[in-house]
Protein backbone atom coordinates (compact mmCIF):
# COMPACT_ATOMS: atom_id res chain seq x y z
CA MET A 1 33.60 -146.38 -29.74
CA ILE A 2 31.18 -147.96 -31.99
CA GLY A 3 32.77 -146.31 -34.89
CA PHE A 4 36.13 -148.10 -33.53
CA ILE A 5 34.04 -151.65 -32.79
CA ASN A 6 32.68 -151.46 -36.24
CA ARG A 7 35.29 -150.99 -38.19
CA TYR A 8 37.82 -153.80 -36.69
CA VAL A 9 35.28 -155.97 -35.83
CA ALA A 10 37.15 -158.33 -38.50
CA THR A 11 40.37 -157.98 -36.47
CA ILE A 12 38.93 -158.38 -33.07
CA VAL A 13 37.15 -161.75 -33.76
CA LEU A 14 40.10 -162.98 -35.94
CA LEU A 15 41.96 -162.27 -32.60
CA LEU A 16 39.29 -163.60 -29.99
CA SER A 17 39.43 -166.96 -32.60
CA VAL A 18 43.23 -167.43 -32.35
CA LEU A 19 42.94 -166.88 -28.39
CA ILE A 20 40.23 -168.86 -27.96
CA SER A 21 41.68 -171.78 -30.26
CA SER A 22 45.20 -171.73 -28.19
CA PHE A 23 42.58 -173.26 -24.65
CA GLU A 24 42.58 -177.23 -24.52
CA ILE A 25 39.08 -177.86 -25.39
CA ASN A 26 39.39 -181.50 -26.22
CA ILE A 27 36.49 -183.22 -28.71
CA LEU A 28 37.30 -187.10 -29.01
CA GLY A 29 40.44 -186.50 -27.10
CA LYS A 30 41.97 -184.02 -29.30
CA PRO A 31 42.49 -180.23 -29.62
CA ILE A 32 39.27 -178.54 -31.48
CA SER A 33 41.64 -176.75 -33.60
CA ASN A 34 42.61 -179.76 -35.32
CA TYR A 35 38.95 -180.29 -36.88
CA ALA A 36 38.73 -177.11 -38.31
CA ASN A 37 40.40 -173.38 -39.17
CA ILE A 38 38.38 -170.97 -38.21
CA GLN A 39 40.66 -168.71 -38.61
CA LEU A 40 41.44 -169.13 -42.34
CA ILE A 41 37.37 -169.04 -42.57
CA LEU A 42 37.13 -165.70 -40.79
CA ILE A 43 39.83 -164.18 -42.64
CA TYR A 44 37.67 -165.21 -45.98
CA VAL A 45 34.32 -164.58 -45.43
CA PHE A 46 35.39 -161.17 -43.86
CA LYS A 47 37.34 -160.22 -47.16
CA ILE A 48 34.49 -161.51 -49.24
CA SER A 49 32.26 -159.89 -47.24
CA ASN A 50 33.47 -156.30 -47.39
CA PRO A 51 35.96 -155.82 -50.26
CA GLY A 52 37.64 -152.80 -48.79
CA LEU A 53 38.66 -154.72 -45.44
CA ASN A 54 42.13 -154.74 -45.34
CA PHE A 55 43.24 -155.78 -42.12
CA GLY A 56 45.17 -152.73 -41.28
CA LYS A 57 47.12 -152.98 -44.52
CA GLY A 58 48.25 -156.62 -43.25
CA VAL A 59 49.42 -155.54 -39.84
CA PHE A 60 46.96 -156.86 -37.74
CA LEU A 61 46.96 -159.93 -40.15
CA PHE A 62 50.49 -159.69 -39.03
CA LEU A 63 50.53 -159.64 -35.66
CA ILE A 64 47.62 -161.86 -34.92
CA SER A 65 49.94 -164.54 -37.00
CA ILE A 66 52.66 -163.68 -34.68
CA ILE A 67 50.25 -164.89 -31.55
CA SER A 68 49.16 -167.87 -33.75
CA ASP A 69 52.44 -169.06 -34.03
CA VAL A 70 53.64 -168.45 -30.32
CA LEU A 71 50.64 -169.92 -29.23
CA ASN A 72 50.47 -173.35 -31.26
CA GLY A 73 54.19 -173.59 -30.84
CA LEU A 74 54.45 -173.28 -35.46
CA TRP A 75 57.77 -171.96 -36.48
CA PHE A 76 57.82 -168.17 -36.72
CA GLY A 77 55.86 -167.12 -39.79
CA THR A 78 53.54 -169.84 -40.83
CA SER A 79 50.71 -169.32 -39.40
CA GLY A 80 51.36 -165.81 -41.78
CA VAL A 81 52.13 -167.52 -44.88
CA LEU A 82 49.01 -169.04 -44.53
CA TYR A 83 46.46 -166.21 -43.62
CA PHE A 84 48.15 -164.00 -46.60
CA ILE A 85 47.37 -167.06 -48.90
CA VAL A 86 43.72 -167.08 -48.10
CA PHE A 87 43.75 -163.78 -47.45
CA ALA A 88 44.62 -162.68 -51.28
CA VAL A 89 42.59 -165.52 -52.59
CA ALA A 90 39.93 -163.61 -51.04
CA ALA A 91 41.01 -160.16 -52.63
CA PHE A 92 41.34 -161.26 -55.90
CA GLN A 93 37.22 -162.87 -55.46
CA ALA A 94 36.09 -159.96 -53.74
CA SER A 95 37.88 -157.76 -56.82
CA ILE A 96 36.64 -159.99 -59.70
CA LYS A 97 32.66 -160.66 -58.55
CA LEU A 98 29.87 -158.48 -59.49
CA ARG A 99 27.54 -160.18 -57.21
CA SER A 100 27.69 -162.79 -54.49
CA PHE A 101 27.73 -166.28 -55.68
CA PHE A 102 27.84 -168.53 -53.10
CA ILE A 103 29.30 -171.88 -54.91
CA SER A 104 31.87 -169.59 -56.58
CA GLU A 105 33.73 -168.36 -52.80
CA TRP A 106 32.78 -171.98 -51.80
CA ILE A 107 35.28 -173.05 -54.66
CA SER A 108 37.67 -170.29 -54.58
CA PHE A 109 37.99 -170.49 -50.90
CA GLY A 110 38.67 -174.39 -51.55
CA VAL A 111 41.50 -173.77 -53.95
CA SER A 112 42.76 -171.29 -51.37
CA LEU A 113 42.56 -173.82 -49.05
CA ILE A 114 44.55 -176.37 -50.57
CA ILE A 115 47.16 -173.79 -51.44
CA ALA A 116 48.00 -172.56 -48.44
CA TYR A 117 47.51 -176.58 -46.86
CA CYS A 118 50.34 -177.67 -49.32
CA ILE A 119 52.46 -174.77 -48.38
CA PHE A 120 52.17 -176.14 -44.72
CA PHE A 121 52.56 -179.56 -45.25
CA GLY A 122 55.65 -178.83 -46.81
CA LEU A 123 57.14 -176.15 -43.82
CA GLU A 124 56.23 -178.81 -41.27
CA PHE A 125 57.91 -181.76 -43.65
CA LEU A 126 61.11 -179.50 -43.82
CA HIS A 127 61.12 -178.87 -40.46
CA HIS A 128 60.89 -182.82 -39.56
CA GLU A 129 63.58 -183.31 -42.23
CA THR A 130 65.86 -181.25 -40.44
CA ILE A 131 64.87 -182.40 -37.06
CA TYR A 132 65.10 -186.36 -37.94
CA LYS A 133 67.80 -186.12 -40.15
CA TYR A 134 70.26 -188.03 -37.69
CA ALA A 135 67.34 -189.97 -35.65
CA GLN A 136 67.64 -193.80 -35.24
CA THR A 137 63.74 -194.02 -36.75
CA ALA A 138 62.14 -192.60 -39.74
CA HIS A 139 59.74 -189.98 -39.26
CA ASN A 140 56.27 -191.08 -41.26
CA HIS A 141 55.21 -187.90 -43.10
CA MET A 142 51.73 -189.64 -44.19
CA SER A 143 50.67 -190.01 -40.74
CA GLU A 144 50.95 -185.90 -40.52
CA LEU A 145 48.86 -185.89 -44.14
CA VAL A 146 45.60 -187.60 -42.47
CA PRO A 147 45.01 -185.09 -39.90
CA LEU A 148 45.37 -182.32 -41.96
CA LEU A 149 42.60 -184.17 -44.60
CA THR A 150 40.28 -184.18 -42.17
CA ASN A 151 41.11 -180.76 -41.24
CA PHE A 152 40.32 -179.77 -44.89
CA ILE A 153 37.99 -181.36 -45.13
CA ILE A 154 35.54 -179.99 -42.39
CA THR A 155 37.05 -176.40 -42.40
CA LEU A 156 35.60 -176.71 -45.85
CA LEU A 157 32.44 -177.63 -44.85
CA VAL A 158 32.02 -175.50 -41.79
CA TYR A 159 32.29 -172.40 -44.44
CA PRO A 160 29.06 -171.97 -45.57
CA ILE A 161 27.52 -171.50 -41.59
CA PHE A 162 30.38 -168.59 -41.70
CA TRP A 163 29.29 -167.26 -44.53
CA PHE A 164 25.81 -167.33 -44.40
CA ILE A 165 26.16 -165.59 -40.38
CA ILE A 166 28.77 -162.88 -41.55
CA SER A 167 27.44 -161.83 -45.04
CA LYS A 168 24.11 -161.65 -42.97
CA LEU A 169 25.16 -159.26 -40.20
CA VAL A 170 27.06 -157.39 -43.14
CA SER A 171 24.19 -157.08 -44.90
CA GLN A 172 22.02 -155.82 -42.28
CA ASN A 173 24.68 -153.21 -41.45
CA ALA A 174 24.90 -151.78 -44.77
CA TYR A 175 21.33 -151.08 -44.70
CA ARG A 176 21.32 -149.31 -41.66
């Protein structure tokens, strides 16, 4: 049982974070998921900490993304695209590194977030264009950009905390 948990700890933690983020936990009147995207941090940090991790060849990552889309009311596949972009950048970063340098990993995490959030904003823009195409009032797309930018900045700033905790846990378990 312990071997199973150790083998799938990243998948279990990611699934729990998706389930917990679906609860209505509010900070300053907004859901906590509006402030930081913990799932993207977890995917990146777990892949960087354990380059052999592949979330069941992507199957578990895809299933978790479906659960996330359903719980958050997103288009089917939106979370999957974001998760796999971050996972691909983390896999590339893990394959080219000789040692763990926090700054280079943090910068590449920022790049993966920029790519993922640009695609997310594009998908949201397309979604609203199809919904509001024949509406009487125009939809202000810039009003969606501010929360996305806030989420990006806070997610980028919270990354070092998760990096420190997970990298220490993985390195401690490696020596046992």
